[in-house]
């Protein structure tokens, strides 16, 4: 159970850090006058198109 709790806290921390980074990047873009469309809007992870084929 300790591992699960520790993992849950790590995931929560990662999500918060990621959100803060995104906010900071948007703020920096705004400060220097660049459009925020330079940031990818889709937050879903990319899926590899390569597939292993069994012979």
N, C-alpha and C. Protein backbone atom coordinates (compact mmCIF):
# COMPACT_ATOMS: atom_id res chain seq x y z
N UNK A 1 0.82 -1.20 0.00
CA UNK A 1 0.00 0.00 0.00
C UNK A 1 0.86 1.27 0.00
N UNK A 2 2.02 1.20 0.64
CA UNK A 2 2.90 2.37 0.67
C UNK A 2 3.35 2.76 -0.73
N UNK A 3 3.64 1.75 -1.56
CA UNK A 3 4.06 2.02 -2.93
C UNK A 3 2.95 2.69 -3.72
N UNK A 4 1.72 2.25 -3.54
CA UNK A 4 0.59 2.83 -4.26
C UNK A 4 0.39 4.28 -3.84
N UNK A 5 0.46 4.55 -2.56
CA UNK A 5 0.29 5.91 -2.06
C UNK A 5 1.41 6.81 -2.57
N UNK A 6 2.63 6.29 -2.56
CA UNK A 6 3.78 7.06 -3.05
C UNK A 6 3.64 7.34 -4.54
N UNK A 7 3.20 6.32 -5.29
CA UNK A 7 3.00 6.51 -6.73
C UNK A 7 1.90 7.53 -7.01
N UNK A 8 0.83 7.47 -6.24
CA UNK A 8 -0.27 8.43 -6.43
C UNK A 8 0.21 9.85 -6.17
N UNK A 9 1.00 10.03 -5.14
CA UNK A 9 1.55 11.37 -4.85
C UNK A 9 2.48 11.83 -5.96
N UNK A 10 3.27 10.92 -6.50
CA UNK A 10 4.18 11.26 -7.59
C UNK A 10 3.41 11.69 -8.83
N UNK A 11 2.34 10.98 -9.13
CA UNK A 11 1.51 11.33 -10.29
C UNK A 11 0.87 12.69 -10.08
N UNK A 12 0.36 12.93 -8.89
CA UNK A 12 -0.26 14.22 -8.59
C UNK A 12 0.76 15.35 -8.72
N UNK A 13 1.94 15.15 -8.20
CA UNK A 13 3.01 16.16 -8.28
C UNK A 13 3.40 16.42 -9.73
N UNK A 14 3.51 15.35 -10.51
CA UNK A 14 3.84 15.49 -11.92
C UNK A 14 2.79 16.28 -12.67
N UNK A 15 1.52 16.00 -12.40
CA UNK A 15 0.43 16.73 -13.05
C UNK A 15 0.47 18.21 -12.69
N UNK A 16 0.70 18.50 -11.42
CA UNK A 16 0.76 19.91 -11.00
C UNK A 16 1.97 20.62 -11.61
N UNK A 17 3.12 19.95 -11.61
CA UNK A 17 4.32 20.54 -12.21
C UNK A 17 4.12 20.79 -13.70
N UNK A 18 3.47 19.86 -14.37
CA UNK A 18 3.21 20.00 -15.80
C UNK A 18 2.29 21.19 -16.07
N UNK A 19 1.27 21.32 -15.25
CA UNK A 19 0.32 22.44 -15.41
C UNK A 19 1.02 23.77 -15.15
N UNK A 20 1.84 23.82 -14.11
CA UNK A 20 2.59 25.06 -13.82
C UNK A 20 3.52 25.42 -14.97
N UNK A 21 4.18 24.43 -15.52
CA UNK A 21 5.08 24.68 -16.64
C UNK A 21 4.32 25.22 -17.83
N UNK A 22 3.15 24.65 -18.10
CA UNK A 22 2.35 25.13 -19.22
C UNK A 22 1.92 26.58 -19.01
N UNK A 23 1.52 26.91 -17.80
CA UNK A 23 1.13 28.29 -17.49
C UNK A 23 2.32 29.23 -17.65
N UNK A 24 3.48 28.81 -17.18
CA UNK A 24 4.69 29.64 -17.30
C UNK A 24 5.07 29.85 -18.76
N UNK A 25 4.95 28.82 -19.56
CA UNK A 25 5.28 28.95 -20.99
C UNK A 25 4.32 29.91 -21.67
N UNK A 26 3.04 29.76 -21.39
CA UNK A 26 2.06 30.68 -21.99
C UNK A 26 2.32 32.11 -21.57
N UNK A 27 2.67 32.31 -20.32
CA UNK A 27 2.98 33.65 -19.82
C UNK A 27 4.21 34.22 -20.52
N UNK A 28 5.22 33.40 -20.68
CA UNK A 28 6.45 33.84 -21.36
C UNK A 28 6.17 34.20 -22.82
N UNK A 29 5.38 33.38 -23.49
CA UNK A 29 5.03 33.68 -24.88
C UNK A 29 4.29 35.01 -24.97
N UNK A 30 3.37 35.23 -24.02
CA UNK A 30 2.61 36.47 -24.01
C UNK A 30 3.53 37.68 -23.77
N UNK A 31 4.48 37.53 -22.87
CA UNK A 31 5.40 38.63 -22.54
C UNK A 31 6.27 39.03 -23.73
N UNK A 32 6.66 38.06 -24.54
CA UNK A 32 7.53 38.40 -25.67
C UNK A 32 6.76 38.60 -26.96
N UNK A 33 5.43 38.47 -26.89
CA UNK A 33 4.59 38.80 -28.04
C UNK A 33 4.41 37.68 -29.05
N UNK A 34 4.69 36.44 -28.65
CA UNK A 34 4.47 35.33 -29.56
C UNK A 34 3.10 34.72 -29.32
N UNK A 35 2.47 34.19 -30.36
CA UNK A 35 1.14 33.61 -30.18
C UNK A 35 1.20 32.29 -29.39
N UNK A 36 0.16 32.03 -28.62
CA UNK A 36 0.16 30.80 -27.82
C UNK A 36 -0.20 29.57 -28.65
N UNK A 37 -0.49 29.77 -29.94
CA UNK A 37 -0.77 28.60 -30.77
C UNK A 37 0.52 27.86 -31.14
N UNK A 38 1.64 28.32 -30.63
CA UNK A 38 2.90 27.58 -30.80
C UNK A 38 2.92 26.35 -29.89
N UNK A 39 2.01 26.33 -28.91
CA UNK A 39 1.91 25.20 -27.99
C UNK A 39 0.87 24.22 -28.52
N UNK A 40 1.22 22.95 -28.52
CA UNK A 40 0.29 21.91 -28.96
C UNK A 40 -0.90 21.86 -28.01
N UNK A 41 -2.11 21.94 -28.54
CA UNK A 41 -3.30 21.94 -27.71
C UNK A 41 -3.70 20.54 -27.26
N UNK A 42 -3.49 19.54 -28.09
CA UNK A 42 -3.89 18.18 -27.78
C UNK A 42 -2.96 17.61 -26.72
N UNK A 43 -3.48 17.29 -25.55
CA UNK A 43 -2.65 16.80 -24.46
C UNK A 43 -2.62 15.28 -24.36
N UNK A 44 -3.22 14.59 -25.34
CA UNK A 44 -3.18 13.13 -25.30
C UNK A 44 -1.81 12.67 -25.77
N UNK A 45 -1.30 11.60 -25.18
CA UNK A 45 0.03 11.13 -25.58
C UNK A 45 0.03 10.60 -27.01
N UNK A 46 1.15 10.79 -27.67
CA UNK A 46 1.30 10.30 -29.03
C UNK A 46 1.45 8.78 -29.00
N UNK A 47 0.83 8.12 -29.94
CA UNK A 47 0.92 6.67 -30.04
C UNK A 47 1.79 6.33 -31.23
N UNK A 48 2.72 5.46 -31.03
CA UNK A 48 3.62 5.06 -32.09
C UNK A 48 2.84 4.35 -33.19
N UNK A 49 3.17 4.66 -34.43
CA UNK A 49 2.48 4.02 -35.55
C UNK A 49 3.13 2.72 -35.96
N UNK A 50 4.28 2.41 -35.37
CA UNK A 50 4.94 1.18 -35.71
C UNK A 50 4.32 0.02 -34.94
N UNK A 51 4.14 -1.07 -35.65
CA UNK A 51 3.51 -2.24 -35.05
C UNK A 51 4.41 -3.45 -35.32
N UNK A 52 4.68 -4.23 -34.31
CA UNK A 52 5.48 -5.43 -34.48
C UNK A 52 4.64 -6.49 -35.17
N UNK A 53 5.20 -7.08 -36.17
CA UNK A 53 4.49 -8.13 -36.92
C UNK A 53 5.11 -9.46 -36.60
N UNK A 54 4.27 -10.40 -36.21
CA UNK A 54 4.76 -11.75 -35.90
C UNK A 54 4.74 -12.57 -37.17
N UNK A 55 5.80 -13.34 -37.40
CA UNK A 55 5.88 -14.20 -38.59
C UNK A 55 5.34 -15.56 -38.30
